[in-house]
N, C-alpha and C. Protein backbone atom coordinates (compact mmCIF):
# COMPACT_ATOMS: atom_id res chain seq x y z
N UNK A 1 23.57 -30.65 59.92
CA UNK A 1 24.56 -29.55 58.91
C UNK A 1 23.93 -29.73 57.70
N UNK A 2 23.95 -30.65 57.20
CA UNK A 2 23.90 -31.21 55.75
C UNK A 2 22.56 -30.39 55.35
N UNK A 3 21.39 -30.66 56.18
CA UNK A 3 19.96 -30.10 55.77
C UNK A 3 19.92 -28.91 55.79
N UNK A 4 20.73 -27.95 56.89
CA UNK A 4 20.76 -26.66 57.15
C UNK A 4 21.47 -26.12 55.31
N UNK A 5 22.42 -26.73 54.66
CA UNK A 5 23.14 -26.17 53.75
C UNK A 5 22.28 -26.50 52.57
N UNK A 6 21.24 -27.39 52.61
CA UNK A 6 20.32 -27.93 51.42
C UNK A 6 19.17 -26.61 51.46
N UNK A 7 18.94 -26.27 52.63
CA UNK A 7 17.57 -25.35 52.77
C UNK A 7 18.56 -23.98 52.49
N UNK A 8 19.30 -23.46 52.68
CA UNK A 8 20.07 -22.52 52.36
C UNK A 8 20.27 -22.48 50.82
N UNK A 9 20.63 -23.36 50.31
CA UNK A 9 20.86 -23.46 48.66
C UNK A 9 19.45 -23.22 47.95
N UNK A 10 18.56 -24.20 48.47
CA UNK A 10 16.81 -23.86 47.96
C UNK A 10 16.71 -22.33 48.10
N UNK A 11 16.79 -21.74 49.23
CA UNK A 11 16.36 -20.34 49.21
C UNK A 11 17.12 -19.29 48.47
N UNK A 12 18.32 -19.60 48.07
CA UNK A 12 19.04 -19.00 47.20
C UNK A 12 18.74 -19.05 46.11
N UNK A 13 18.57 -20.31 45.36
CA UNK A 13 18.17 -20.48 44.17
C UNK A 13 16.76 -19.86 43.69
N UNK A 14 15.71 -20.06 44.60
CA UNK A 14 14.51 -19.87 44.90
C UNK A 14 14.45 -17.84 44.63
N UNK A 15 15.33 -17.22 45.33
CA UNK A 15 15.28 -16.06 45.58
C UNK A 15 15.97 -15.16 44.21
N UNK A 16 16.72 -16.35 43.43
CA UNK A 16 17.43 -15.69 42.27
C UNK A 16 16.49 -15.90 41.26
N UNK A 17 15.63 -17.16 41.05
CA UNK A 17 14.68 -17.48 40.07
C UNK A 17 13.82 -16.20 40.22
N UNK A 18 13.11 -15.89 41.49
CA UNK A 18 12.15 -14.66 41.50
C UNK A 18 12.70 -13.26 41.00
N UNK A 19 13.84 -13.14 41.33
CA UNK A 19 14.63 -11.71 40.98
C UNK A 19 15.00 -11.58 39.71
N UNK A 20 15.44 -12.58 39.12
CA UNK A 20 15.38 -12.67 37.53
C UNK A 20 14.59 -12.91 36.56
N UNK A 21 13.43 -12.97 37.17
CA UNK A 21 12.14 -13.10 36.63
C UNK A 21 11.39 -11.62 36.39
N UNK A 22 11.72 -10.63 37.31
CA UNK A 22 10.91 -9.39 36.93
C UNK A 22 11.76 -8.59 36.25
N UNK A 23 13.05 -8.25 35.97
CA UNK A 23 14.07 -7.17 35.30
C UNK A 23 13.21 -8.15 33.69
N UNK A 24 13.14 -9.21 33.65
CA UNK A 24 13.10 -9.63 32.19
C UNK A 24 11.61 -9.01 32.00
N UNK A 25 10.74 -9.22 32.53
CA UNK A 25 9.35 -8.95 32.05
C UNK A 25 9.28 -7.47 31.76
N UNK A 26 9.91 -6.29 32.73
CA UNK A 26 10.08 -4.90 32.42
C UNK A 26 10.68 -4.49 31.35
N UNK A 27 11.73 -5.35 30.99
CA UNK A 27 12.92 -5.38 29.63
C UNK A 27 11.95 -5.62 28.26
N UNK A 28 11.17 -6.55 28.44
CA UNK A 28 10.29 -6.62 27.20
C UNK A 28 9.31 -5.33 26.74
N UNK A 29 9.11 -4.56 27.43
CA UNK A 29 8.38 -3.30 27.06
C UNK A 29 9.52 -2.19 26.35
N UNK A 30 10.56 -2.28 26.96
CA UNK A 30 11.47 -1.14 26.81
C UNK A 30 11.99 -1.01 25.07
N UNK A 31 12.17 -1.97 24.59
CA UNK A 31 12.58 -1.88 23.14
C UNK A 31 11.28 -1.19 22.19
N UNK A 32 10.21 -1.57 22.70
CA UNK A 32 8.93 -0.85 21.73
C UNK A 32 8.83 0.51 22.22
N UNK A 33 8.96 0.95 23.50
CA UNK A 33 8.91 2.09 24.06
C UNK A 33 10.15 2.98 23.39
N UNK A 34 11.44 2.67 23.45
CA UNK A 34 12.40 3.06 22.68
C UNK A 34 12.33 3.54 21.32
N UNK A 35 11.74 2.39 20.47
CA UNK A 35 11.44 2.91 18.93
C UNK A 35 10.49 3.47 18.70
N UNK A 36 9.50 3.49 19.45
CA UNK A 36 8.34 4.76 19.52
C UNK A 36 8.98 6.07 19.82
N UNK A 37 9.78 6.22 20.69
CA UNK A 37 10.66 7.66 20.96
C UNK A 37 11.31 8.06 19.70
N UNK A 38 12.26 7.01 18.87
CA UNK A 38 12.78 7.36 17.94
C UNK A 38 12.07 8.03 16.81
N UNK A 39 10.77 7.16 16.70
CA UNK A 39 9.99 7.48 15.49
C UNK A 39 9.78 8.82 15.80
N UNK A 40 9.32 9.21 16.90
CA UNK A 40 9.17 10.87 17.20
C UNK A 40 9.83 11.79 17.12
N UNK A 41 11.43 11.51 17.32
CA UNK A 41 12.53 12.25 16.93
C UNK A 41 13.09 12.51 15.43
N UNK A 42 12.18 11.69 14.58
CA UNK A 42 12.78 11.57 13.25
C UNK A 42 11.65 11.96 12.18
N UNK A 43 11.91 12.84 11.26
CA UNK A 43 11.06 12.96 10.03
C UNK A 43 11.89 12.99 8.89
N UNK A 44 11.26 12.19 7.82
CA UNK A 44 11.50 12.02 6.45
C UNK A 44 11.03 12.70 5.54
N UNK A 45 12.00 13.37 4.65
CA UNK A 45 11.31 14.07 3.79
C UNK A 45 11.99 13.55 2.34
N UNK A 46 10.90 13.44 1.16
CA UNK A 46 11.58 13.35 -0.20
C UNK A 46 11.51 14.58 -0.97
N UNK A 47 12.92 15.31 -1.16
CA UNK A 47 12.83 16.52 -2.12
C UNK A 47 13.19 16.37 -3.58
N UNK A 48 12.84 16.87 -4.27
CA UNK A 48 13.12 17.00 -5.77
C UNK A 48 14.19 18.10 -5.91
N UNK A 49 15.19 18.08 -6.37
CA UNK A 49 16.44 18.81 -6.69
C UNK A 49 17.20 18.88 -7.83
N UNK A 50 17.65 19.93 -8.37
CA UNK A 50 18.24 20.05 -9.85
C UNK A 50 19.60 19.37 -9.68
N UNK A 51 19.72 17.92 -9.80
CA UNK A 51 21.28 17.35 -9.68
C UNK A 51 21.79 16.82 -11.35
N UNK A 52 22.93 17.41 -11.52
CA UNK A 52 23.49 17.18 -12.83
C UNK A 52 24.48 16.17 -12.85
N UNK A 53 25.22 15.92 -11.83
CA UNK A 53 26.44 14.98 -11.61
C UNK A 53 26.58 14.48 -10.51
N UNK A 54 27.74 13.93 -9.99
CA UNK A 54 27.91 13.35 -8.78
C UNK A 54 28.47 14.59 -7.92
N UNK A 55 29.07 15.65 -8.59
CA UNK A 55 29.40 16.83 -7.44
C UNK A 55 28.25 17.29 -6.99
N UNK A 56 27.23 17.67 -8.12
CA UNK A 56 26.07 17.93 -7.23
C UNK A 56 25.64 17.25 -5.88
N UNK A 57 25.69 15.88 -6.15
CA UNK A 57 25.30 15.34 -4.97
C UNK A 57 26.38 15.17 -3.76
N UNK A 58 27.71 15.29 -4.07
CA UNK A 58 28.75 15.68 -2.89
C UNK A 58 28.45 16.97 -2.19
N UNK A 59 28.35 17.92 -3.09
CA UNK A 59 27.84 19.37 -2.36
C UNK A 59 26.81 19.21 -1.59
N UNK A 60 25.84 18.55 -1.86
CA UNK A 60 24.62 18.36 -1.16
C UNK A 60 25.03 17.60 0.25
N UNK A 61 25.55 16.85 0.08
CA UNK A 61 26.05 15.73 0.87
C UNK A 61 26.80 16.53 2.25
N UNK A 62 27.73 17.44 1.52
CA UNK A 62 28.74 17.96 2.30
C UNK A 62 28.42 19.16 3.57
N UNK A 63 27.24 19.94 2.42
CA UNK A 63 26.69 20.97 3.18
C UNK A 63 25.63 21.12 4.19
N UNK A 64 24.73 20.03 3.47
CA UNK A 64 23.37 19.87 4.02
C UNK A 64 23.59 19.27 5.21
N UNK A 65 24.42 18.07 5.67
CA UNK A 65 25.01 17.37 6.57
C UNK A 65 25.08 17.96 8.03
N UNK A 66 25.94 19.45 7.51
CA UNK A 66 26.20 19.96 8.89
C UNK A 66 24.98 20.80 9.58
N UNK A 67 23.75 20.91 8.71
CA UNK A 67 22.50 21.74 9.42
C UNK A 67 22.39 21.18 10.50
N UNK A 68 21.98 21.89 11.44
CA UNK A 68 21.51 21.20 12.64
C UNK A 68 20.09 20.49 12.53
N UNK A 69 20.22 19.44 13.29
CA UNK A 69 19.10 18.23 13.17
C UNK A 69 19.04 17.15 12.45
N UNK A 70 19.81 17.37 11.04
CA UNK A 70 20.04 16.45 10.20
C UNK A 70 20.74 15.09 10.79
N UNK A 71 20.05 14.21 10.28
CA UNK A 71 20.67 12.95 10.83
C UNK A 71 21.03 12.06 9.71
N UNK A 72 20.61 12.13 8.37
CA UNK A 72 20.81 11.27 7.17
C UNK A 72 20.20 12.07 5.76
N UNK A 73 21.37 11.91 4.81
CA UNK A 73 21.16 12.32 3.67
C UNK A 73 21.17 11.22 2.19
N UNK A 74 20.35 11.10 1.78
CA UNK A 74 20.31 10.17 0.71
C UNK A 74 20.47 10.80 -0.65
N UNK A 75 21.03 10.71 -1.75
CA UNK A 75 21.35 11.40 -2.92
C UNK A 75 20.49 10.37 -3.85
N UNK A 76 19.78 10.79 -4.86
CA UNK A 76 19.38 9.64 -6.01
C UNK A 76 19.79 10.56 -6.97
N UNK A 77 20.88 10.21 -7.90
CA UNK A 77 21.31 11.44 -9.06
C UNK A 77 20.31 10.79 -10.58
N UNK A 78 19.87 9.45 -10.61
CA UNK A 78 19.19 9.35 -11.67
C UNK A 78 17.53 9.92 -11.60
N UNK A 79 17.24 9.66 -10.58
CA UNK A 79 15.96 10.41 -10.08
C UNK A 79 15.70 12.17 -9.69
N UNK A 80 16.86 12.39 -9.25
CA UNK A 80 17.31 13.76 -8.84
C UNK A 80 16.16 14.26 -7.97
N UNK A 81 16.47 13.39 -6.90
CA UNK A 81 15.69 13.60 -5.49
C UNK A 81 16.72 13.28 -4.43
N UNK A 82 16.48 13.81 -3.48
CA UNK A 82 17.30 13.81 -2.20
C UNK A 82 16.08 13.09 -0.87
N UNK A 83 16.71 12.36 -0.20
CA UNK A 83 15.96 12.06 0.88
C UNK A 83 16.51 12.36 2.24
N UNK A 84 15.96 13.54 3.23
CA UNK A 84 16.79 14.10 4.17
C UNK A 84 16.01 13.57 5.43
N UNK A 85 16.56 12.88 6.48
CA UNK A 85 16.18 12.50 7.54
C UNK A 85 16.66 13.81 8.94
N UNK A 86 15.61 14.21 9.33
CA UNK A 86 16.07 15.01 10.40
C UNK A 86 15.05 14.77 11.79
N UNK A 87 15.49 15.73 12.69
CA UNK A 87 14.82 16.00 14.09
C UNK A 87 14.34 17.21 13.85
N UNK A 88 12.71 16.90 14.08
CA UNK A 88 11.89 17.99 13.81
C UNK A 88 11.88 18.89 15.20
N UNK A 89 12.60 18.46 16.13
CA UNK A 89 12.76 19.42 17.37
C UNK A 89 13.85 20.22 17.36
N UNK A 90 14.82 19.73 16.56
CA UNK A 90 15.85 21.07 16.09
C UNK A 90 15.72 21.79 14.87
N UNK A 91 14.88 21.20 13.79
CA UNK A 91 14.85 22.09 12.49
C UNK A 91 13.62 21.86 11.95
N UNK A 92 13.21 22.45 10.73
CA UNK A 92 11.95 22.20 10.38
C UNK A 92 12.16 22.30 8.59
N UNK A 93 11.19 21.74 8.18
CA UNK A 93 11.50 21.59 6.36
C UNK A 93 11.61 23.16 5.92
N UNK A 94 11.37 24.35 6.15
CA UNK A 94 11.50 25.24 5.89
C UNK A 94 12.91 25.93 5.97
N UNK A 95 13.25 25.54 7.28
CA UNK A 95 14.79 25.80 7.21
C UNK A 95 15.94 24.77 6.38
N UNK A 96 15.41 23.66 6.12
CA UNK A 96 16.02 23.06 5.15
C UNK A 96 16.17 23.45 3.66
N UNK A 97 15.10 23.93 3.41
CA UNK A 97 14.82 24.35 2.04
C UNK A 97 15.60 25.59 1.93
N UNK A 98 15.94 26.46 2.72
CA UNK A 98 16.45 27.46 2.75
C UNK A 98 17.87 27.11 2.60
N UNK A 99 18.66 26.05 3.38
CA UNK A 99 19.84 25.51 3.23
C UNK A 99 20.20 25.25 1.94
N UNK A 100 19.04 24.17 1.06
CA UNK A 100 19.45 24.01 -0.19
C UNK A 100 19.57 25.26 -1.16
N UNK A 101 18.50 26.36 -1.21
CA UNK A 101 18.81 27.36 -1.62
C UNK A 101 20.37 28.30 -1.49
N UNK A 102 21.14 28.14 -0.44
CA UNK A 102 21.86 28.93 0.02
C UNK A 102 23.26 28.31 -0.56
N UNK A 103 23.32 26.97 -1.02
CA UNK A 103 24.26 26.32 -1.71
C UNK A 103 24.06 26.51 -3.27
N UNK A 104 23.00 26.93 -3.61
CA UNK A 104 22.71 26.99 -5.19
C UNK A 104 21.91 25.56 -5.55
N UNK A 105 21.25 25.24 -4.87
CA UNK A 105 20.32 23.74 -5.36
C UNK A 105 19.40 24.00 -4.61
N UNK A 106 18.37 24.87 -5.01
CA UNK A 106 16.73 24.72 -4.82
C UNK A 106 16.23 23.49 -5.03
N UNK A 107 15.47 23.02 -3.70
CA UNK A 107 14.71 22.01 -3.80
C UNK A 107 13.17 22.06 -3.38
N UNK A 108 12.37 21.36 -3.85
CA UNK A 108 11.05 21.43 -3.77
C UNK A 108 10.57 20.36 -3.08
N UNK A 109 9.71 20.15 -2.24
CA UNK A 109 9.00 18.91 -1.15
C UNK A 109 7.99 18.07 -2.44
N UNK A 110 8.60 16.93 -2.33
CA UNK A 110 7.80 15.86 -3.17
C UNK A 110 6.75 15.12 -2.36
N UNK A 111 7.04 14.67 -0.85
CA UNK A 111 6.42 14.18 -0.20
C UNK A 111 7.04 13.99 1.09
N UNK A 112 6.26 13.66 2.35
CA UNK A 112 6.87 13.24 3.56
C UNK A 112 6.47 11.98 3.81
N UNK A 113 7.92 11.44 4.13
CA UNK A 113 7.61 9.81 4.45
C UNK A 113 7.66 9.31 5.65
N UNK A 114 6.89 8.38 6.09
CA UNK A 114 6.75 7.95 7.29
C UNK A 114 6.18 9.21 8.47
C-alpha cells in the first residue's frame, strides 16, 4: 500500500512540474506583445502654443483632455509647449489642432515624439 502512495505522489508531482512549466514559457512573450500593441495605440506630439499663465495651461488641460482619443496632456509654461499623447485610431493631429483653435489657443506642431 505504501509503494502505491509513493508512486501516485511521484506521478502528481511530475504532472504538476510539467504543467506549470508550459504557462511560464508562454507568458514570457506576452509582456513584449502587449507593450508593442500599446505603442501602436499611442502617438505623442510636441506642440508650440501661446501660453501666458497657469490659467492658459488649465484651460488646455480641461478642454483638450475631453477630445476623443486623448490619453495625456503635459503643459510646460516656461517653454510654451504642450505634449499630447493620443490614440491615432480615434483622432489625428489635424483634429487636435482644430480643438486648440476652438478654445482660442492655436498650436503648431514642433515634432512627433516616439
